Every structure is written in structure tokens, then in C-alpha cells.
Amino acid sequence: MDNYQAIYDAVRSKMGYIDPSYLYDRIVRCWDFSQQMSAMLQIIEYETIRPSVLMHPKISIDGNQWCALYGENLQDGVAGFGDSPAKAMEDFDKSWYKDLEK
């Protein structure tokens, strides 16, 4: 423990006294929160307008995958499949924007 105290004292003598409130003020003023806030708002906006959020498809298990289905059946509705409910919802979002095959 004495070795640690000697190292601490040596470092402290080189640094001098630093006011913690001064450091906090300098860090907060230099940190740009606007970019982080903008990125968070974009994520929130994207998540709230996803078709899977707006349309509330029914989630069920179909075989060995999860199915997100909007409509009465696979032929008449929109569906997404995946190994998890989240992946099925992602696939549903992609399927929502696909054109009918001709």
C-alpha cells in the first residue's frame, strides 16, 4: 500500500490541484450532444413509421419460423418470416413495399 501512496503523491505533485467542477464544466461545454440527439430522433422516427408497427400484423409460428401476417391468409395478405419475431417483422416491412408479382 505504501508504494501506491508514493505513486499517487508523485502524480498528484505533477498535476497540481484540479477543480472537479471546472473539469466537468469544460467537458460539458466541449461535448456536442446535438449529433447524438439527432441520431436518436431519426431512429425513433424510423421505428414509429415501420409498417410492422403501424399495421400490427399477427405473429405466429409457421413450421420452424415465425410469421408476421397482415390479412386473412398468405395468399391475400402480407407476410414476413424469420427465425425470431423481430426478424419476421423486418421481413414483413420489406414485403410491405414489394410490388405484386405479375
Protein backbone atom coordinates (compact mmCIF):
# COMPACT_ATOMS: atom_id res chain seq x y z
CA MET A 1 0.00 0.00 0.00
CA ASP A 2 2.91 2.35 0.68
CA ASN A 3 4.06 2.01 -2.95
CA TYR A 4 0.67 3.13 -4.20
CA GLN A 5 0.74 6.19 -1.96
CA ALA A 6 4.17 7.19 -3.28
CA ILE A 7 2.98 6.87 -6.89
CA TYR A 8 -0.19 8.78 -6.10
CA ASP A 9 1.78 11.58 -4.42
CA ALA A 10 4.24 11.81 -7.35
CA VAL A 11 1.48 12.05 -9.95
CA ARG A 12 -0.50 14.48 -7.84
CA SER A 13 2.51 16.77 -7.40
CA LYS A 14 2.99 16.94 -11.17
CA MET A 15 -0.67 17.64 -11.86
CA GLY A 16 -1.25 20.27 -9.22
CA TYR A 17 -4.76 20.95 -7.97
CA ILE A 18 -7.57 20.42 -10.45
CA ASP A 19 -11.02 21.65 -9.54
CA PRO A 20 -13.52 18.89 -10.42
CA SER A 21 -16.30 21.40 -11.15
CA TYR A 22 -14.00 23.19 -13.62
CA LEU A 23 -13.27 19.90 -15.41
CA TYR A 24 -16.95 19.00 -15.52
CA ASP A 25 -17.84 22.41 -16.95
CA ARG A 26 -15.13 22.15 -19.64
CA ILE A 27 -16.18 18.64 -20.64
CA VAL A 28 -19.87 19.52 -20.89
CA ARG A 29 -19.15 22.62 -22.96
CA CYS A 30 -16.93 20.72 -25.37
CA TRP A 31 -19.23 17.74 -25.80
CA ASP A 32 -21.62 18.09 -28.72
CA PHE A 33 -24.89 16.44 -27.77
CA SER A 34 -26.73 17.67 -30.86
CA GLN A 35 -25.42 14.90 -33.13
CA GLN A 36 -26.35 12.17 -30.66
CA MET A 37 -29.80 13.67 -30.13
CA SER A 38 -30.38 13.98 -33.87
CA ALA A 39 -29.38 10.34 -34.42
CA MET A 40 -31.69 9.19 -31.62
CA LEU A 41 -34.62 11.15 -33.05
CA GLN A 42 -34.05 9.65 -36.50
CA ILE A 43 -34.10 6.13 -35.04
CA ILE A 44 -37.29 6.88 -33.09
CA GLU A 45 -38.93 8.37 -36.17
CA TYR A 46 -37.98 5.35 -38.31
CA GLU A 47 -39.21 2.85 -35.72
CA THR A 48 -42.59 4.55 -35.30
CA ILE A 49 -43.41 4.54 -39.04
CA ARG A 50 -42.42 0.94 -39.81
CA PRO A 51 -45.29 -1.00 -41.42
CA SER A 52 -44.94 -3.70 -38.77
CA VAL A 53 -45.55 -1.07 -36.07
CA LEU A 54 -48.40 0.71 -37.84
CA MET A 55 -50.27 -2.34 -39.19
CA HIS A 56 -49.92 -4.68 -36.18
CA PRO A 57 -49.52 -7.97 -38.06
CA LYS A 58 -50.42 -11.17 -36.25
CA ILE A 59 -47.36 -13.10 -35.02
CA SER A 60 -47.43 -16.90 -35.05
CA ILE A 61 -45.19 -19.89 -35.62
CA ASP A 62 -45.35 -21.42 -39.09
CA GLY A 63 -43.29 -24.59 -39.32
CA ASN A 64 -39.84 -23.78 -37.98
CA GLN A 65 -40.09 -20.00 -38.39
CA TRP A 66 -42.02 -17.09 -37.01
CA CYS A 67 -44.58 -15.48 -39.27
CA ALA A 68 -45.85 -11.90 -39.18
CA LEU A 69 -49.11 -11.86 -41.15
CA TYR A 70 -51.42 -8.97 -42.02
CA GLY A 71 -54.57 -10.31 -43.60
CA GLU A 72 -56.64 -13.47 -43.58
CA ASN A 73 -54.07 -15.80 -45.18
CA LEU A 74 -50.74 -15.90 -47.02
CA GLN A 75 -52.36 -15.58 -50.45
CA ASP A 76 -54.40 -12.47 -49.67
CA GLY A 77 -52.22 -10.79 -47.04
CA VAL A 78 -48.72 -9.55 -46.44
CA ALA A 79 -46.32 -11.81 -44.58
CA GLY A 80 -42.79 -11.85 -43.26
CA PHE A 81 -40.82 -14.81 -41.97
CA GLY A 82 -37.81 -15.15 -39.72
CA ASP A 83 -36.04 -17.16 -37.04
CA SER A 84 -37.27 -14.70 -34.41
CA PRO A 85 -40.29 -12.43 -34.12
CA ALA A 86 -38.04 -9.42 -34.72
CA LYS A 87 -36.65 -10.94 -37.93
CA ALA A 88 -40.17 -11.81 -39.08
CA MET A 89 -41.19 -8.17 -38.51
CA GLU A 90 -38.15 -6.95 -40.51
CA ASP A 91 -39.10 -9.29 -43.36
CA PHE A 92 -42.71 -8.09 -43.09
CA ASP A 93 -41.51 -4.49 -43.52
CA LYS A 94 -39.63 -5.48 -46.69
CA SER A 95 -42.63 -7.43 -48.02
CA TRP A 96 -44.93 -4.48 -47.38
CA TYR A 97 -43.17 -2.45 -50.06
CA LYS A 98 -42.86 -5.21 -52.69
CA ASP A 99 -44.98 -4.96 -55.83
CA LEU A 100 -47.31 -7.81 -56.77
CA GLU A 101 -45.58 -10.36 -58.96
CA LYS A 102 -47.15 -10.48 -62.43
